[in-house]
Amino acid sequence: MPKEETLEFSGIVSELLPNANFRVKLITNDDDSSADCKLDSKVKSNFSESGSESGNDGVDPISYLDNAVVIAYTAGRMRKHRIRISLGDKVKVAMNPYDMTRARITYRFK
């Protein structure tokens, strides 16, 4: 069974919720982010050049996620190694394309 496709974004933790959940505000990718975030920006540019917007008036669906707020939980390895996440931390989140309201925090930037 093939692995599901995941979308990766960077975000800032805006609120701490019970049961190790966090409210994360997605941000646009910066130049100082990791290589995965740079790859996402290349995918965005290729998507807009291909012209396959499917009737969205020239706006790609990924741009709707800028400044969106999602509920995220910590990934298994972050729990295993007890990496703490606090308010205002910049994190990398992985999202399933079928449920864009939930995300998994996979990396905390230093």
N, C-alpha and C. Protein backbone atom coordinates (compact mmCIF):
# COMPACT_ATOMS: atom_id res chain seq x y z
N MET A 1 0.84 -1.17 0.00
CA MET A 1 0.00 0.00 0.00
C MET A 1 0.89 1.24 0.00
N PRO A 2 0.72 2.14 -0.96
CA PRO A 2 1.60 3.32 -1.04
C PRO A 2 1.32 4.30 0.08
N LYS A 3 2.36 5.04 0.40
CA LYS A 3 2.24 6.05 1.45
C LYS A 3 1.39 7.21 0.95
N GLU A 4 0.60 7.80 1.85
CA GLU A 4 -0.23 8.93 1.47
C GLU A 4 0.63 10.15 1.19
N GLU A 5 0.16 10.98 0.32
CA GLU A 5 0.85 12.22 -0.01
C GLU A 5 0.63 13.22 1.12
N THR A 6 1.70 13.86 1.59
CA THR A 6 1.58 14.86 2.64
C THR A 6 2.07 16.20 2.13
N LEU A 7 1.48 17.25 2.63
CA LEU A 7 1.89 18.61 2.32
C LEU A 7 2.62 19.18 3.53
N GLU A 8 3.75 19.82 3.30
CA GLU A 8 4.52 20.38 4.41
C GLU A 8 4.51 21.90 4.32
N PHE A 9 4.26 22.53 5.47
CA PHE A 9 4.25 23.98 5.58
C PHE A 9 5.00 24.36 6.85
N SER A 10 5.39 25.61 6.93
CA SER A 10 5.95 26.12 8.18
C SER A 10 4.89 26.99 8.84
N GLY A 11 4.98 27.08 10.17
CA GLY A 11 3.99 27.84 10.91
C GLY A 11 4.53 28.27 12.25
N ILE A 12 3.75 29.06 12.95
CA ILE A 12 4.11 29.55 14.28
C ILE A 12 3.02 29.11 15.25
N VAL A 13 3.43 28.57 16.39
CA VAL A 13 2.49 28.11 17.41
C VAL A 13 1.84 29.34 18.04
N SER A 14 0.51 29.42 17.94
CA SER A 14 -0.19 30.59 18.46
C SER A 14 -0.94 30.31 19.75
N GLU A 15 -1.23 29.03 20.04
CA GLU A 15 -1.97 28.71 21.26
C GLU A 15 -1.66 27.28 21.67
N LEU A 16 -1.54 27.06 22.97
CA LEU A 16 -1.35 25.72 23.52
C LEU A 16 -2.71 25.19 23.94
N LEU A 17 -3.05 23.98 23.49
CA LEU A 17 -4.33 23.36 23.78
C LEU A 17 -4.10 22.12 24.64
N PRO A 18 -5.14 21.61 25.30
CA PRO A 18 -4.98 20.40 26.12
C PRO A 18 -4.62 19.18 25.28
N ASN A 19 -4.10 18.16 25.95
CA ASN A 19 -3.75 16.87 25.35
C ASN A 19 -2.70 16.98 24.26
N ALA A 20 -1.70 17.80 24.47
CA ALA A 20 -0.56 17.95 23.56
C ALA A 20 -0.99 18.39 22.16
N ASN A 21 -2.01 19.22 22.08
CA ASN A 21 -2.44 19.81 20.82
C ASN A 21 -2.04 21.27 20.81
N PHE A 22 -1.88 21.81 19.61
CA PHE A 22 -1.44 23.19 19.44
C PHE A 22 -2.24 23.83 18.32
N ARG A 23 -2.47 25.12 18.44
CA ARG A 23 -3.05 25.88 17.34
C ARG A 23 -1.90 26.56 16.62
N VAL A 24 -1.73 26.26 15.33
CA VAL A 24 -0.59 26.73 14.55
C VAL A 24 -1.10 27.62 13.42
N LYS A 25 -0.49 28.80 13.29
CA LYS A 25 -0.82 29.70 12.19
C LYS A 25 0.19 29.46 11.08
N LEU A 26 -0.28 29.06 9.92
CA LEU A 26 0.60 28.79 8.78
C LEU A 26 1.13 30.10 8.23
N ILE A 27 2.40 30.11 7.85
CA ILE A 27 3.03 31.31 7.31
C ILE A 27 3.61 30.99 5.95
N THR A 28 3.90 32.04 5.20
CA THR A 28 4.54 31.84 3.91
C THR A 28 5.96 31.40 4.15
N ASN A 29 6.50 30.65 3.23
CA ASN A 29 7.85 30.11 3.38
C ASN A 29 8.88 31.20 3.23
N ASP A 30 9.85 31.25 4.16
CA ASP A 30 10.93 32.22 4.12
C ASP A 30 12.15 31.61 3.46
N ASP A 31 13.15 32.45 3.14
CA ASP A 31 14.38 31.96 2.53
C ASP A 31 15.24 31.20 3.52
N ASP A 32 15.10 31.46 4.83
CA ASP A 32 15.94 30.80 5.82
C ASP A 32 15.36 29.48 6.29
N SER A 33 14.29 29.01 5.68
CA SER A 33 13.69 27.75 6.07
C SER A 33 14.48 26.59 5.49
N SER A 34 14.03 25.39 5.79
CA SER A 34 14.74 24.20 5.33
C SER A 34 14.54 23.97 3.84
N ALA A 35 15.21 22.97 3.31
CA ALA A 35 15.14 22.67 1.88
C ALA A 35 13.76 22.19 1.48
N ASP A 36 13.03 21.52 2.40
CA ASP A 36 11.70 21.05 2.06
C ASP A 36 10.76 22.22 1.79
N CYS A 37 10.88 23.29 2.56
CA CYS A 37 10.03 24.45 2.35
C CYS A 37 10.37 25.13 1.04
N LYS A 38 11.65 25.14 0.66
CA LYS A 38 12.04 25.71 -0.62
C LYS A 38 11.47 24.88 -1.76
N LEU A 39 11.40 23.58 -1.57
CA LEU A 39 10.83 22.71 -2.58
C LEU A 39 9.35 23.02 -2.77
N ASP A 40 8.63 23.30 -1.65
CA ASP A 40 7.22 23.64 -1.75
C ASP A 40 7.01 24.89 -2.59
N SER A 41 7.89 25.89 -2.45
CA SER A 41 7.73 27.11 -3.24
C SER A 41 7.97 26.84 -4.72
N LYS A 42 8.88 25.91 -5.04
CA LYS A 42 9.09 25.54 -6.44
C LYS A 42 7.86 24.85 -7.00
N VAL A 43 7.21 24.01 -6.18
CA VAL A 43 6.00 23.33 -6.63
C VAL A 43 4.91 24.35 -6.88
N LYS A 44 4.81 25.37 -6.01
CA LYS A 44 3.81 26.42 -6.22
C LYS A 44 4.02 27.14 -7.54
N SER A 45 5.28 27.47 -7.85
CA SER A 45 5.55 28.21 -9.08
C SER A 45 5.28 27.33 -10.30
N ASN A 46 5.62 26.05 -10.23
CA ASN A 46 5.34 25.15 -11.35
C ASN A 46 3.84 24.97 -11.54
N PHE A 47 3.10 24.95 -10.43
CA PHE A 47 1.65 24.79 -10.52
C PHE A 47 1.02 25.99 -11.19
N SER A 48 1.47 27.19 -10.84
CA SER A 48 0.88 28.38 -11.43
C SER A 48 1.27 28.54 -12.90
N GLU A 49 2.46 28.05 -13.28
CA GLU A 49 2.87 28.13 -14.67
C GLU A 49 2.14 27.14 -15.55
N SER A 50 1.74 26.00 -14.98
CA SER A 50 1.10 24.97 -15.79
C SER A 50 -0.30 25.37 -16.24
N GLY A 51 -0.95 26.26 -15.50
CA GLY A 51 -2.27 26.73 -15.91
C GLY A 51 -3.37 25.76 -15.59
N SER A 52 -3.19 24.87 -14.63
CA SER A 52 -4.22 23.91 -14.28
C SER A 52 -4.92 24.32 -12.99
N GLU A 53 -5.47 25.52 -12.97
CA GLU A 53 -6.10 26.02 -11.76
C GLU A 53 -7.50 25.47 -11.57
N SER A 54 -8.10 24.95 -12.60
CA SER A 54 -9.45 24.37 -12.58
C SER A 54 -10.50 25.38 -12.13
N GLY A 55 -10.47 26.58 -12.70
CA GLY A 55 -11.53 27.55 -12.46
C GLY A 55 -11.43 28.34 -11.18
N ASN A 56 -10.28 28.56 -10.64
CA ASN A 56 -10.12 29.32 -9.41
C ASN A 56 -9.71 30.76 -9.68
N ASP A 57 -10.02 31.28 -10.85
CA ASP A 57 -9.70 32.66 -11.23
C ASP A 57 -8.21 32.94 -11.15
N GLY A 58 -7.38 31.98 -11.51
CA GLY A 58 -5.94 32.19 -11.56
C GLY A 58 -5.24 32.08 -10.23
N VAL A 59 -5.91 31.64 -9.17
CA VAL A 59 -5.29 31.52 -7.85
C VAL A 59 -5.16 30.04 -7.53
N ASP A 60 -3.94 29.60 -7.17
CA ASP A 60 -3.76 28.20 -6.85
C ASP A 60 -4.30 27.92 -5.45
N PRO A 61 -4.77 26.70 -5.18
CA PRO A 61 -5.39 26.38 -3.90
C PRO A 61 -4.43 26.46 -2.72
N ILE A 62 -3.13 26.33 -2.95
CA ILE A 62 -2.17 26.38 -1.85
C ILE A 62 -2.09 27.78 -1.27
N SER A 63 -2.32 28.81 -2.07
CA SER A 63 -2.24 30.18 -1.56
C SER A 63 -3.37 30.48 -0.58
N TYR A 64 -4.46 29.72 -0.62
CA TYR A 64 -5.52 29.92 0.36
C TYR A 64 -5.07 29.54 1.77
N LEU A 65 -4.03 28.71 1.89
CA LEU A 65 -3.58 28.25 3.19
C LEU A 65 -2.66 29.24 3.89
N ASP A 66 -2.19 30.28 3.20
CA ASP A 66 -1.36 31.28 3.86
C ASP A 66 -2.18 31.98 4.94
N ASN A 67 -1.62 32.09 6.13
CA ASN A 67 -2.25 32.70 7.30
C ASN A 67 -3.46 31.91 7.79
N ALA A 68 -3.62 30.66 7.40
CA ALA A 68 -4.68 29.80 7.92
C ALA A 68 -4.25 29.26 9.28
N VAL A 69 -5.22 28.86 10.08
CA VAL A 69 -4.95 28.32 11.41
C VAL A 69 -5.40 26.86 11.42
N VAL A 70 -4.52 25.96 11.87
CA VAL A 70 -4.83 24.54 11.95
C VAL A 70 -4.54 24.05 13.36
N ILE A 71 -5.13 22.93 13.71
CA ILE A 71 -4.85 22.28 14.99
C ILE A 71 -3.83 21.18 14.72
N ALA A 72 -2.73 21.20 15.47
CA ALA A 72 -1.63 20.27 15.21
C ALA A 72 -1.29 19.50 16.47
N TYR A 73 -0.73 18.31 16.28
CA TYR A 73 -0.24 17.49 17.38
C TYR A 73 1.20 17.12 17.09
N THR A 74 1.93 16.71 18.12
CA THR A 74 3.34 16.39 17.94
C THR A 74 3.49 15.01 17.32
N ALA A 75 4.49 14.86 16.48
CA ALA A 75 4.77 13.58 15.84
C ALA A 75 5.37 12.61 16.86
N GLY A 76 5.39 11.35 16.52
CA GLY A 76 5.85 10.32 17.44
C GLY A 76 7.29 10.47 17.89
N ARG A 77 8.19 10.82 16.99
CA ARG A 77 9.60 10.96 17.36
C ARG A 77 9.81 12.17 18.26
N MET A 78 9.00 13.21 18.08
CA MET A 78 9.12 14.37 18.95
C MET A 78 8.65 14.02 20.36
N ARG A 79 7.63 13.19 20.47
CA ARG A 79 7.19 12.72 21.79
C ARG A 79 8.24 11.80 22.40
N LYS A 80 8.80 10.93 21.58
CA LYS A 80 9.79 9.97 22.06
C LYS A 80 11.01 10.66 22.64
N HIS A 81 11.50 11.69 21.97
CA HIS A 81 12.69 12.39 22.42
C HIS A 81 12.36 13.59 23.31
N ARG A 82 11.09 13.74 23.67
CA ARG A 82 10.62 14.78 24.59
C ARG A 82 11.03 16.18 24.17
N ILE A 83 10.81 16.49 22.91
CA ILE A 83 11.09 17.83 22.40
C ILE A 83 9.91 18.72 22.78
N ARG A 84 10.21 19.78 23.50
CA ARG A 84 9.16 20.67 23.99
C ARG A 84 8.84 21.74 22.96
N ILE A 85 7.57 22.06 22.88
CA ILE A 85 7.10 23.11 21.99
C ILE A 85 6.38 24.14 22.85
N SER A 86 6.76 25.40 22.70
CA SER A 86 6.13 26.46 23.48
C SER A 86 5.51 27.49 22.55
N LEU A 87 4.85 28.44 23.14
CA LEU A 87 4.16 29.49 22.41
C LEU A 87 5.16 30.33 21.62
N GLY A 88 4.90 30.56 20.35
CA GLY A 88 5.76 31.39 19.51
C GLY A 88 6.84 30.63 18.77
N ASP A 89 6.95 29.32 18.96
CA ASP A 89 7.96 28.53 18.25
C ASP A 89 7.59 28.40 16.78
N LYS A 90 8.62 28.43 15.92
CA LYS A 90 8.42 28.18 14.49
C LYS A 90 8.57 26.69 14.26
N VAL A 91 7.59 26.08 13.62
CA VAL A 91 7.56 24.63 13.44
C VAL A 91 7.27 24.30 11.98
N LYS A 92 7.58 23.06 11.62
CA LYS A 92 7.22 22.53 10.30
C LYS A 92 6.10 21.53 10.52
N VAL A 93 5.00 21.67 9.79
CA VAL A 93 3.86 20.79 9.95
C VAL A 93 3.61 20.01 8.67
N ALA A 94 3.14 18.79 8.82
CA ALA A 94 2.76 17.94 7.69
C ALA A 94 1.25 17.76 7.73
N MET A 95 0.62 17.98 6.58
CA MET A 95 -0.84 17.90 6.51
C MET A 95 -1.26 16.87 5.47
N ASN A 96 -2.37 16.22 5.73
CA ASN A 96 -2.98 15.30 4.80
C ASN A 96 -3.87 16.13 3.86
N PRO A 97 -3.79 15.93 2.56
CA PRO A 97 -4.60 16.76 1.65
C PRO A 97 -6.10 16.54 1.78
N TYR A 98 -6.52 15.47 2.45
CA TYR A 98 -7.94 15.19 2.60
C TYR A 98 -8.55 15.89 3.80
N ASP A 99 -7.74 16.26 4.80
CA ASP A 99 -8.22 16.98 5.97
C ASP A 99 -7.26 18.12 6.25
N MET A 100 -7.58 19.30 5.77
CA MET A 100 -6.69 20.44 5.88
C MET A 100 -6.86 21.20 7.20
N THR A 101 -7.64 20.66 8.14
CA THR A 101 -7.79 21.32 9.43
C THR A 101 -6.90 20.73 10.50
N ARG A 102 -6.34 19.54 10.26
CA ARG A 102 -5.47 18.86 11.22
C ARG A 102 -4.07 18.75 10.62
N ALA A 103 -3.06 18.79 11.49
CA ALA A 103 -1.68 18.69 11.03
C ALA A 103 -0.85 17.97 12.09
N ARG A 104 0.33 17.54 11.68
CA ARG A 104 1.28 16.87 12.58
C ARG A 104 2.56 17.70 12.59
N ILE A 105 3.03 18.07 13.78
CA ILE A 105 4.26 18.85 13.90
C ILE A 105 5.43 17.88 13.78
N THR A 106 6.27 18.09 12.76
CA THR A 106 7.38 17.17 12.51
C THR A 106 8.74 17.75 12.85
N TYR A 107 8.85 19.08 13.00
CA TYR A 107 10.15 19.69 13.27
C TYR A 107 9.95 21.03 13.96
N ARG A 108 10.81 21.32 14.95
CA ARG A 108 10.81 22.64 15.60
C ARG A 108 12.09 23.35 15.23
N PHE A 109 11.97 24.51 14.58
CA PHE A 109 13.15 25.28 14.18
C PHE A 109 13.80 25.89 15.41
N LYS A 110 15.12 26.01 15.36
CA LYS A 110 15.86 26.56 16.50
C LYS A 110 16.02 28.04 16.43
